[in-house]
PDB file of N, CA and C in Angstrom:
ATOM      1  N   MET A   1       0.857  -1.171   0.000  1.00  0.00           N
ATOM      2  CA  MET A   1       0.000   0.000   0.000  1.00  0.00           C
ATOM      3  C   MET A   1       0.897   1.226   0.000  1.00  0.00           C
ATOM      4  N   SER A   2       0.533   2.208  -0.792  1.00  0.00           N
ATOM      5  CA  SER A   2       1.378   3.389  -0.924  1.00  0.00           C
ATOM      6  C   SER A   2       1.279   4.288   0.306  1.00  0.00           C
ATOM      7  N   TRP A   3       2.343   5.050   0.511  1.00  0.00           N
ATOM      8  CA  TRP A   3       2.404   5.981   1.637  1.00  0.00           C
ATOM      9  C   TRP A   3       1.261   6.990   1.566  1.00  0.00           C
ATOM     10  N   SER A   4       0.935   7.481   0.372  1.00  0.00           N
ATOM     11  CA  SER A   4      -0.139   8.479   0.235  1.00  0.00           C
ATOM     12  C   SER A   4      -1.497   7.892   0.622  1.00  0.00           C
ATOM     13  N   LYS A   5      -1.742   6.631   0.288  1.00  0.00           N
ATOM     14  CA  LYS A   5      -3.004   5.998   0.675  1.00  0.00           C
ATOM     15  C   LYS A   5      -3.080   5.805   2.184  1.00  0.00           C
ATOM     16  N   LEU A   6      -1.957   5.445   2.796  1.00  0.00           N
ATOM     17  CA  LEU A   6      -1.931   5.304   4.250  1.00  0.00           C
ATOM     18  C   LEU A   6      -2.213   6.637   4.932  1.00  0.00           C
ATOM     19  N   LYS A   7      -1.615   7.705   4.425  1.00  0.00           N
ATOM     20  CA  LYS A   7      -1.835   9.043   4.989  1.00  0.00           C
ATOM     21  C   LYS A   7      -3.292   9.463   4.811  1.00  0.00           C
ATOM     22  N   GLU A   8      -3.863   9.160   3.652  1.00  0.00           N
ATOM     23  CA  GLU A   8      -5.265   9.507   3.425  1.00  0.00           C
ATOM     24  C   GLU A   8      -6.164   8.749   4.399  1.00  0.00           C
ATOM     25  N   LEU A   9      -5.921   7.460   4.580  1.00  0.00           N
ATOM     26  CA  LEU A   9      -6.693   6.668   5.535  1.00  0.00           C
ATOM     27  C   LEU A   9      -6.576   7.262   6.936  1.00  0.00           C
ATOM     28  N   GLU A  10      -5.363   7.628   7.318  1.00  0.00           N
ATOM     29  CA  GLU A  10      -5.121   8.249   8.620  1.00  0.00           C
ATOM     30  C   GLU A  10      -5.949   9.520   8.793  1.00  0.00           C
ATOM     31  N   SER A  11      -6.095  10.294   7.733  1.00  0.00           N
ATOM     32  CA  SER A  11      -6.804  11.574   7.810  1.00  0.00           C
ATOM     33  C   SER A  11      -8.286  11.404   8.153  1.00  0.00           C
ATOM     34  N   TYR A  12      -8.864  10.245   7.874  1.00  0.00           N
ATOM     35  CA  TYR A  12     -10.271   9.998   8.194  1.00  0.00           C
ATOM     36  C   TYR A  12     -10.492   9.674   9.672  1.00  0.00           C
ATOM     37  N   GLN A  13      -9.428   9.386  10.389  1.00  0.00           N
ATOM     38  CA  GLN A  13      -9.471   9.090  11.828  1.00  0.00           C
ATOM     39  C   GLN A  13     -10.465   7.968  12.159  1.00  0.00           C
ATOM     40  N   LEU A  14     -10.424   6.903  11.384  1.00  0.00           N
ATOM     41  CA  LEU A  14     -11.313   5.770  11.600  1.00  0.00           C
ATOM     42  C   LEU A  14     -10.683   4.678  12.456  1.00  0.00           C
ATOM     43  N   ILE A  15      -9.355   4.590  12.434  1.00  0.00           N
ATOM     44  CA  ILE A  15      -8.668   3.556  13.201  1.00  0.00           C
ATOM     45  C   ILE A  15      -8.890   3.832  14.685  1.00  0.00           C
ATOM     46  N   GLY A  16      -9.417   2.833  15.385  1.00  0.00           N
ATOM     47  CA  GLY A  16      -9.690   2.979  16.807  1.00  0.00           C
ATOM     48  C   GLY A  16     -11.055   3.562  17.117  1.00  0.00           C
ATOM     49  N   LEU A  17     -11.830   3.870  16.092  1.00  0.00           N
ATOM     50  CA  LEU A  17     -13.166   4.427  16.272  1.00  0.00           C
ATOM     51  C   LEU A  17     -14.052   3.420  17.003  1.00  0.00           C
ATOM     52  N   ALA A  18     -14.914   3.912  17.876  1.00  0.00           N
ATOM     53  CA  ALA A  18     -15.839   3.032  18.589  1.00  0.00           C
ATOM     54  C   ALA A  18     -16.775   2.354  17.595  1.00  0.00           C
ATOM     55  N   GLU A  19     -17.328   1.223  18.003  1.00  0.00           N
ATOM     56  CA  GLU A  19     -18.251   0.511  17.124  1.00  0.00           C
ATOM     57  C   GLU A  19     -19.441   1.397  16.786  1.00  0.00           C
ATOM     58  N   ASN A  20     -19.988   1.186  15.585  1.00  0.00           N
ATOM     59  CA  ASN A  20     -21.014   2.064  15.043  1.00  0.00           C
ATOM     60  C   ASN A  20     -22.199   1.224  14.570  1.00  0.00           C
ATOM     61  N   ASP A  21     -23.397   1.558  15.021  1.00  0.00           N
ATOM     62  CA  ASP A  21     -24.586   0.777  14.669  1.00  0.00           C
ATOM     63  C   ASP A  21     -24.842   0.737  13.164  1.00  0.00           C
ATOM     64  N   ASP A  22     -24.551   1.824  12.461  1.00  0.00           N
ATOM     65  CA  ASP A  22     -24.779   1.848  11.011  1.00  0.00           C
ATOM     66  C   ASP A  22     -23.877   0.854  10.291  1.00  0.00           C
ATOM     67  N   PHE A  23     -22.586   0.859  10.628  1.00  0.00           N
ATOM     68  CA  PHE A  23     -21.658  -0.097  10.020  1.00  0.00           C
ATOM     69  C   PHE A  23     -22.027  -1.523  10.425  1.00  0.00           C
ATOM     70  N   ASP A  24     -22.399  -1.701  11.696  1.00  0.00           N
ATOM     71  CA  ASP A  24     -22.780  -3.033  12.171  1.00  0.00           C
ATOM     72  C   ASP A  24     -23.985  -3.571  11.396  1.00  0.00           C
ATOM     73  N   PHE A  25     -24.945  -2.708  11.093  1.00  0.00           N
ATOM     74  CA  PHE A  25     -26.120  -3.126  10.326  1.00  0.00           C
ATOM     75  C   PHE A  25     -25.715  -3.551   8.910  1.00  0.00           C
ATOM     76  N   ILE A  26     -24.822  -2.784   8.300  1.00  0.00           N
ATOM     77  CA  ILE A  26     -24.364  -3.101   6.941  1.00  0.00           C
ATOM     78  C   ILE A  26     -23.708  -4.474   6.898  1.00  0.00           C
ATOM     79  N   ILE A  27     -22.820  -4.755   7.829  1.00  0.00           N
ATOM     80  CA  ILE A  27     -22.133  -6.049   7.767  1.00  0.00           C
ATOM     81  C   ILE A  27     -23.039  -7.196   8.181  1.00  0.00           C
ATOM     82  N   TYR A  28     -23.982  -6.919   9.084  1.00  0.00           N
ATOM     83  CA  TYR A  28     -24.958  -7.956   9.436  1.00  0.00           C
ATOM     84  C   TYR A  28     -25.782  -8.323   8.196  1.00  0.00           C
ATOM     85  N   MET A  29     -26.249  -7.315   7.474  1.00  0.00           N
ATOM     86  CA  MET A  29     -27.036  -7.564   6.265  1.00  0.00           C
ATOM     87  C   MET A  29     -26.192  -8.263   5.196  1.00  0.00           C
ATOM     88  N   ALA A  30     -24.933  -7.881   5.064  1.00  0.00           N
ATOM     89  CA  ALA A  30     -24.044  -8.541   4.094  1.00  0.00           C
ATOM     90  C   ALA A  30     -23.911 -10.025   4.421  1.00  0.00           C
ATOM     91  N   ALA A  31     -23.753 -10.346   5.703  1.00  0.00           N
ATOM     92  CA  ALA A  31     -23.642 -11.746   6.113  1.00  0.00           C
ATOM     93  C   ALA A  31     -24.937 -12.501   5.809  1.00  0.00           C
ATOM     94  N   GLN A  32     -26.079 -11.870   6.063  1.00  0.00           N
ATOM     95  CA  GLN A  32     -27.368 -12.510   5.791  1.00  0.00           C
ATOM     96  C   GLN A  32     -27.563 -12.746   4.294  1.00  0.00           C
ATOM     97  N   ILE A  33     -27.288 -11.741   3.499  1.00  0.00           N
ATOM     98  CA  ILE A  33     -27.476 -11.837   2.047  1.00  0.00           C
ATOM     99  C   ILE A  33     -26.548 -12.880   1.433  1.00  0.00           C
ATOM    100  N   CYS A  34     -25.304 -12.910   1.911  1.00  0.00           N
ATOM    101  CA  CYS A  34     -24.308 -13.833   1.344  1.00  0.00           C
ATOM    102  C   CYS A  34     -24.327 -15.205   2.010  1.00  0.00           C
ATOM    103  N   GLY A  35     -25.083 -15.340   3.083  1.00  0.00           N
ATOM    104  CA  GLY A  35     -25.145 -16.618   3.785  1.00  0.00           C
ATOM    105  C   GLY A  35     -23.835 -16.997   4.448  1.00  0.00           C
ATOM    106  N   THR A  36     -23.138 -16.001   5.004  1.00  0.00           N
ATOM    107  CA  THR A  36     -21.854 -16.259   5.655  1.00  0.00           C
ATOM    108  C   THR A  36     -21.958 -16.068   7.161  1.00  0.00           C
ATOM    109  N   LYS A  37     -21.042 -16.687   7.878  1.00  0.00           N
ATOM    110  CA  LYS A  37     -20.997 -16.541   9.332  1.00  0.00           C
ATOM    111  C   LYS A  37     -20.194 -15.321   9.750  1.00  0.00           C
ATOM    112  N   ILE A  38     -19.317 -14.857   8.875  1.00  0.00           N
ATOM    113  CA  ILE A  38     -18.434 -13.732   9.196  1.00  0.00           C
ATOM    114  C   ILE A  38     -18.576 -12.662   8.126  1.00  0.00           C
ATOM    115  N   SER A  39     -18.628 -11.426   8.572  1.00  0.00           N
ATOM    116  CA  SER A  39     -18.648 -10.275   7.671  1.00  0.00           C
ATOM    117  C   SER A  39     -17.882  -9.152   8.353  1.00  0.00           C
ATOM    118  N   LEU A  40     -17.075  -8.430   7.587  1.00  0.00           N
ATOM    119  CA  LEU A  40     -16.200  -7.408   8.165  1.00  0.00           C
ATOM    120  C   LEU A  40     -16.123  -6.174   7.282  1.00  0.00           C
ATOM    121  N   ILE A  41     -15.910  -5.037   7.914  1.00  0.00           N
ATOM    122  CA  ILE A  41     -15.409  -3.850   7.226  1.00  0.00           C
ATOM    123  C   ILE A  41     -14.026  -3.655   7.812  1.00  0.00           C
ATOM    124  N   SER A  42     -13.013  -3.853   6.998  1.00  0.00           N
ATOM    125  CA  SER A  42     -11.652  -3.772   7.519  1.00  0.00           C
ATOM    126  C   SER A  42     -10.847  -2.699   6.806  1.00  0.00           C
ATOM    127  N   LEU A  43      -9.914  -2.148   7.544  1.00  0.00           N
ATOM    128  CA  LEU A  43      -9.007  -1.122   7.040  1.00  0.00           C
ATOM    129  C   LEU A  43      -7.592  -1.645   7.206  1.00  0.00           C
ATOM    130  N   ILE A  44      -6.772  -1.439   6.200  1.00  0.00           N
ATOM    131  CA  ILE A  44      -5.395  -1.926   6.230  1.00  0.00           C
ATOM    132  C   ILE A  44      -4.456  -0.760   6.514  1.00  0.00           C
ATOM    133  N   THR A  45      -3.659  -0.907   7.573  1.00  0.00           N
ATOM    134  CA  THR A  45      -2.623   0.075   7.876  1.00  0.00           C
ATOM    135  C   THR A  45      -1.283  -0.513   7.444  1.00  0.00           C
ATOM    136  N   GLU A  46      -0.215   0.152   7.790  1.00  0.00           N
ATOM    137  CA  GLU A  46       1.106  -0.329   7.376  1.00  0.00           C
ATOM    138  C   GLU A  46       1.387  -1.741   7.888  1.00  0.00           C
ATOM    139  N   ASP A  47       0.955  -2.042   9.120  1.00  0.00           N
ATOM    140  CA  ASP A  47       1.276  -3.332   9.726  1.00  0.00           C
ATOM    141  C   ASP A  47       0.073  -4.207  10.062  1.00  0.00           C
ATOM    142  N   ASN A  48      -1.120  -3.610  10.156  1.00  0.00           N
ATOM    143  CA  ASN A  48      -2.274  -4.347  10.662  1.00  0.00           C
ATOM    144  C   ASN A  48      -3.505  -4.211   9.784  1.00  0.00           C
ATOM    145  N   GLN A  49      -4.412  -5.126  10.013  1.00  0.00           N
ATOM    146  CA  GLN A  49      -5.768  -5.045   9.484  1.00  0.00           C
ATOM    147  C   GLN A  49      -6.643  -4.711  10.690  1.00  0.00           C
ATOM    148  N   TRP A  50      -7.396  -3.624  10.608  1.00  0.00           N
ATOM    149  CA  TRP A  50      -8.230  -3.199  11.721  1.00  0.00           C
ATOM    150  C   TRP A  50      -9.683  -3.270  11.293  1.00  0.00           C
ATOM    151  N   PHE A  51     -10.533  -3.853  12.130  1.00  0.00           N
ATOM    152  CA  PHE A  51     -11.934  -4.051  11.785  1.00  0.00           C
ATOM    153  C   PHE A  51     -12.780  -2.895  12.296  1.00  0.00           C
ATOM    154  N   LEU A  52     -13.255  -2.089  11.371  1.00  0.00           N
ATOM    155  CA  LEU A  52     -14.140  -0.977  11.704  1.00  0.00           C
ATOM    156  C   LEU A  52     -15.455  -1.528  12.241  1.00  0.00           C
ATOM    157  N   SER A  53     -15.880  -2.644  11.686  1.00  0.00           N
ATOM    158  CA  SER A  53     -17.082  -3.326  12.146  1.00  0.00           C
ATOM    159  C   SER A  53     -16.895  -4.815  11.879  1.00  0.00           C
ATOM    160  N   HIS A  54     -17.451  -5.644  12.748  1.00  0.00           N
ATOM    161  CA  HIS A  54     -17.257  -7.084  12.588  1.00  0.00           C
ATOM    162  C   HIS A  54     -18.484  -7.850  13.056  1.00  0.00           C
ATOM    163  N   HIS A  55     -18.798  -8.911  12.331  1.00  0.00           N
ATOM    164  CA  HIS A  55     -19.910  -9.803  12.668  1.00  0.00           C
ATOM    165  C   HIS A  55     -19.374 -11.226  12.581  1.00  0.00           C
ATOM    166  N   GLY A  56     -19.520 -11.989  13.663  1.00  0.00           N
ATOM    167  CA  GLY A  56     -19.080 -13.376  13.661  1.00  0.00           C
ATOM    168  C   GLY A  56     -17.611 -13.564  13.983  1.00  0.00           C
ATOM    169  N   LEU A  57     -16.942 -12.502  14.364  1.00  0.00           N
ATOM    170  CA  LEU A  57     -15.522 -12.543  14.712  1.00  0.00           C
ATOM    171  C   LEU A  57     -15.313 -11.524  15.825  1.00  0.00           C
ATOM    172  N   GLU A  58     -14.695 -11.930  16.910  1.00  0.00           N
ATOM    173  CA  GLU A  58     -14.600 -11.047  18.072  1.00  0.00           C
ATOM    174  C   GLU A  58     -13.380 -10.130  18.090  1.00  0.00           C
ATOM    175  N   VAL A  59     -12.340 -10.465  17.364  1.00  0.00           N
ATOM    176  CA  VAL A  59     -11.129  -9.634  17.399  1.00  0.00           C
ATOM    177  C   VAL A  59     -11.351  -8.331  16.653  1.00  0.00           C
ATOM    178  N   ARG A  60     -10.624  -7.281  17.024  1.00  0.00           N
ATOM    179  CA  ARG A  60     -10.743  -5.972  16.378  1.00  0.00           C
ATOM    180  C   ARG A  60      -9.613  -5.715  15.390  1.00  0.00           C
ATOM    181  N   GLU A  61      -8.532  -6.505  15.456  1.00  0.00           N
ATOM    182  CA  GLU A  61      -7.435  -6.322  14.505  1.00  0.00           C
ATOM    183  C   GLU A  61      -6.635  -7.602  14.370  1.00  0.00           C
ATOM    184  N   SER A  62      -5.844  -7.661  13.304  1.00  0.00           N
ATOM    185  CA  SER A  62      -4.957  -8.797  13.067  1.00  0.00           C
ATOM    186  C   SER A  62      -3.767  -8.303  12.254  1.00  0.00           C
ATOM    187  N   PRO A  63      -2.685  -9.082  12.195  1.00  0.00           N
ATOM    188  CA  PRO A  63      -1.539  -8.665  11.379  1.00  0.00           C
ATOM    189  C   PRO A  63      -1.935  -8.539   9.905  1.00  0.00           C
ATOM    190  N   LYS A  64      -1.362  -7.563   9.238  1.00  0.00           N
ATOM    191  CA  LYS A  64      -1.660  -7.338   7.821  1.00  0.00           C
ATOM    192  C   LYS A  64      -1.361  -8.579   6.985  1.00  0.00           C
ATOM    193  N   ASP A  65      -0.335  -9.320   7.362  1.00  0.00           N
ATOM    194  CA  ASP A  65       0.040 -10.510   6.601  1.00  0.00           C
ATOM    195  C   ASP A  65      -1.055 -11.580   6.604  1.00  0.00           C
ATOM    196  N   ASP A  66      -1.973 -11.520   7.584  1.00  0.00           N
ATOM    197  CA  ASP A  66      -3.075 -12.479   7.659  1.00  0.00           C
ATOM    198  C   ASP A  66      -4.327 -11.990   6.937  1.00  0.00           C
ATOM    199  N   ALA A  67      -4.284 -10.795   6.384  1.00  0.00           N
ATOM    200  CA  ALA A  67      -5.481 -10.154   5.841  1.00  0.00           C
ATOM    201  C   ALA A  67      -5.838 -10.650   4.443  1.00  0.00           C
ATOM    202  N   PHE A  68      -7.087 -11.040   4.260  1.00  0.00           N
ATOM    203  CA  PHE A  68      -7.593 -11.358   2.931  1.00  0.00           C
ATOM    204  C   PHE A  68      -7.542 -10.111   2.054  1.00  0.00           C
ATOM    205  N   CYS A  69      -7.761  -8.954   2.670  1.00  0.00           N
ATOM    206  CA  CYS A  69      -7.879  -7.684   1.932  1.00  0.00           C
ATOM    207  C   CYS A  69      -6.632  -7.340   1.130  1.00  0.00           C
ATOM    208  N   VAL A  70      -5.489  -7.801   1.569  1.00  0.00           N
ATOM    209  CA  VAL A  70      -4.249  -7.497   0.852  1.00  0.00           C
ATOM    210  C   VAL A  70      -4.356  -7.983  -0.591  1.00  0.00           C
ATOM    211  N   HIS A  71      -4.993  -9.125  -0.793  1.00  0.00           N
ATOM    212  CA  HIS A  71      -5.177  -9.654  -2.148  1.00  0.00           C
ATOM    213  C   HIS A  71      -6.073  -8.730  -2.972  1.00  0.00           C
ATOM    214  N   ALA A  72      -7.120  -8.220  -2.362  1.00  0.00           N
ATOM    215  CA  ALA A  72      -8.025  -7.299  -3.064  1.00  0.00           C
ATOM    216  C   ALA A  72      -7.321  -5.990  -3.392  1.00  0.00           C
ATOM    217  N   ILE A  73      -6.498  -5.505  -2.492  1.00  0.00           N
ATOM    218  CA  ILE A  73      -5.756  -4.256  -2.712  1.00  0.00           C
ATOM    219  C   ILE A  73      -4.761  -4.424  -3.850  1.00  0.00           C
ATOM    220  N   ASN A  74      -4.125  -5.588  -3.913  1.00  0.00           N
ATOM    221  CA  ASN A  74      -3.122  -5.833  -4.953  1.00  0.00           C
ATOM    222  C   ASN A  74      -3.738  -5.971  -6.341  1.00  0.00           C
ATOM    223  N   GLU A  75      -5.021  -6.316  -6.419  1.00  0.00           N
ATOM    224  CA  GLU A  75      -5.729  -6.430  -7.697  1.00  0.00           C
ATOM    225  C   GLU A  75      -7.055  -5.676  -7.596  1.00  0.00           C
ATOM    226  N   PRO A  76      -6.996  -4.329  -7.559  1.00  0.00           N
ATOM    227  CA  PRO A  76      -8.194  -3.525  -7.273  1.00  0.00           C
ATOM    228  C   PRO A  76      -9.295  -3.578  -8.329  1.00  0.00           C
ATOM    229  N   ASN A  77      -8.990  -4.027  -9.522  1.00  0.00           N
ATOM    230  CA  ASN A  77     -10.008  -4.059 -10.575  1.00  0.00           C
ATOM    231  C   ASN A  77     -10.691  -5.414 -10.719  1.00  0.00           C
ATOM    232  N   GLU A  78     -10.335  -6.340  -9.850  1.00  0.00           N
ATOM    233  CA  GLU A  78     -10.915  -7.677  -9.898  1.00  0.00           C
ATOM    234  C   GLU A  78     -11.628  -7.969  -8.579  1.00  0.00           C
ATOM    235  N   PRO A  79     -12.806  -8.587  -8.621  1.00  0.00           N
ATOM    236  CA  PRO A  79     -13.457  -8.969  -7.365  1.00  0.00           C
ATOM    237  C   PRO A  79     -12.634 -10.038  -6.657  1.00  0.00           C
ATOM    238  N   PHE A  80     -12.573  -9.960  -5.347  1.00  0.00           N
ATOM    239  CA  PHE A  80     -11.848 -10.956  -4.569  1.00  0.00           C
ATOM    240  C   PHE A  80     -12.871 -11.782  -3.799  1.00  0.00           C
ATOM    241  N   VAL A  81     -13.040 -13.021  -4.201  1.00  0.00           N
ATOM    242  CA  VAL A  81     -14.032 -13.905  -3.601  1.00  0.00           C
ATOM    243  C   VAL A  81     -13.314 -15.099  -2.994  1.00  0.00           C
ATOM    244  N   VAL A  82     -13.683 -15.426  -1.767  1.00  0.00           N
ATOM    245  CA  VAL A  82     -13.153 -16.607  -1.096  1.00  0.00           C
ATOM    246  C   VAL A  82     -14.338 -17.522  -0.811  1.00  0.00           C
ATOM    247  N   GLU A  83     -14.429 -18.614  -1.537  1.00  0.00           N
ATOM    248  CA  GLU A  83     -15.532 -19.560  -1.336  1.00  0.00           C
ATOM    249  C   GLU A  83     -15.335 -20.363  -0.054  1.00  0.00           C
ATOM    250  N   ASP A  84     -14.109 -20.819   0.170  1.00  0.00           N
ATOM    251  CA  ASP A  84     -13.798 -21.613   1.357  1.00  0.00           C
ATOM    252  C   ASP A  84     -12.344 -21.331   1.724  1.00  0.00           C
ATOM    253  N   ALA A  85     -12.133 -20.557   2.779  1.00  0.00           N
ATOM    254  CA  ALA A  85     -10.780 -20.147   3.172  1.00  0.00           C
ATOM    255  C   ALA A  85      -9.899 -21.341   3.529  1.00  0.00           C
ATOM    256  N   ARG A  86     -10.508 -22.440   3.949  1.00  0.00           N
ATOM    257  CA  ARG A  86      -9.717 -23.629   4.297  1.00  0.00           C
ATOM    258  C   ARG A  86      -9.068 -24.260   3.072  1.00  0.00           C
ATOM    259  N   LYS A  87      -9.651 -24.016   1.894  1.00  0.00           N
ATOM    260  CA  LYS A  87      -9.162 -24.643   0.667  1.00  0.00           C
ATOM    261  C   LYS A  87      -8.515 -23.660  -0.298  1.00  0.00           C
ATOM    262  N   ASP A  88      -8.543 -22.389   0.023  1.00  0.00           N
ATOM    263  CA  ASP A  88      -8.041 -21.356  -0.891  1.00  0.00           C
ATOM    264  C   ASP A  88      -6.522 -21.254  -0.782  1.00  0.00           C
ATOM    265  N   GLU A  89      -5.821 -21.536  -1.868  1.00  0.00           N
ATOM    266  CA  GLU A  89      -4.354 -21.541  -1.867  1.00  0.00           C
ATOM    267  C   GLU A  89      -3.748 -20.152  -1.711  1.00  0.00           C
ATOM    268  N   ARG A  90      -4.534 -19.092  -1.948  1.00  0.00           N
ATOM    269  CA  ARG A  90      -4.019 -17.726  -1.801  1.00  0.00           C
ATOM    270  C   ARG A  90      -3.854 -17.343  -0.339  1.00  0.00           C
ATOM    271  N   LEU A  91      -4.512 -18.068   0.529  1.00  0.00           N
ATOM    272  CA  LEU A  91      -4.547 -17.672   1.940  1.00  0.00           C
ATOM    273  C   LEU A  91      -3.686 -18.548   2.812  1.00  0.00           C
TER     274      LEU A  91
END
């Protein structure tokens, strides 16, 4: 991720923000529509993945190296779909 994108993300002051009912509703609905147990809104910093909102997962952050989102960031014009993380060789 480029330095300018990290600085822009920082400017929104979202990292560490308290949980928000609007974001929670969005991810709850996403999980229902997609039939998944986990749904997240995550932000990637230089070292970590931070969850702005989370459903089905209790942690608020994880190392960036563990983030599915890194794959989506590296190929921004392609949808990133994980059918089964246990079988996905990218993860």
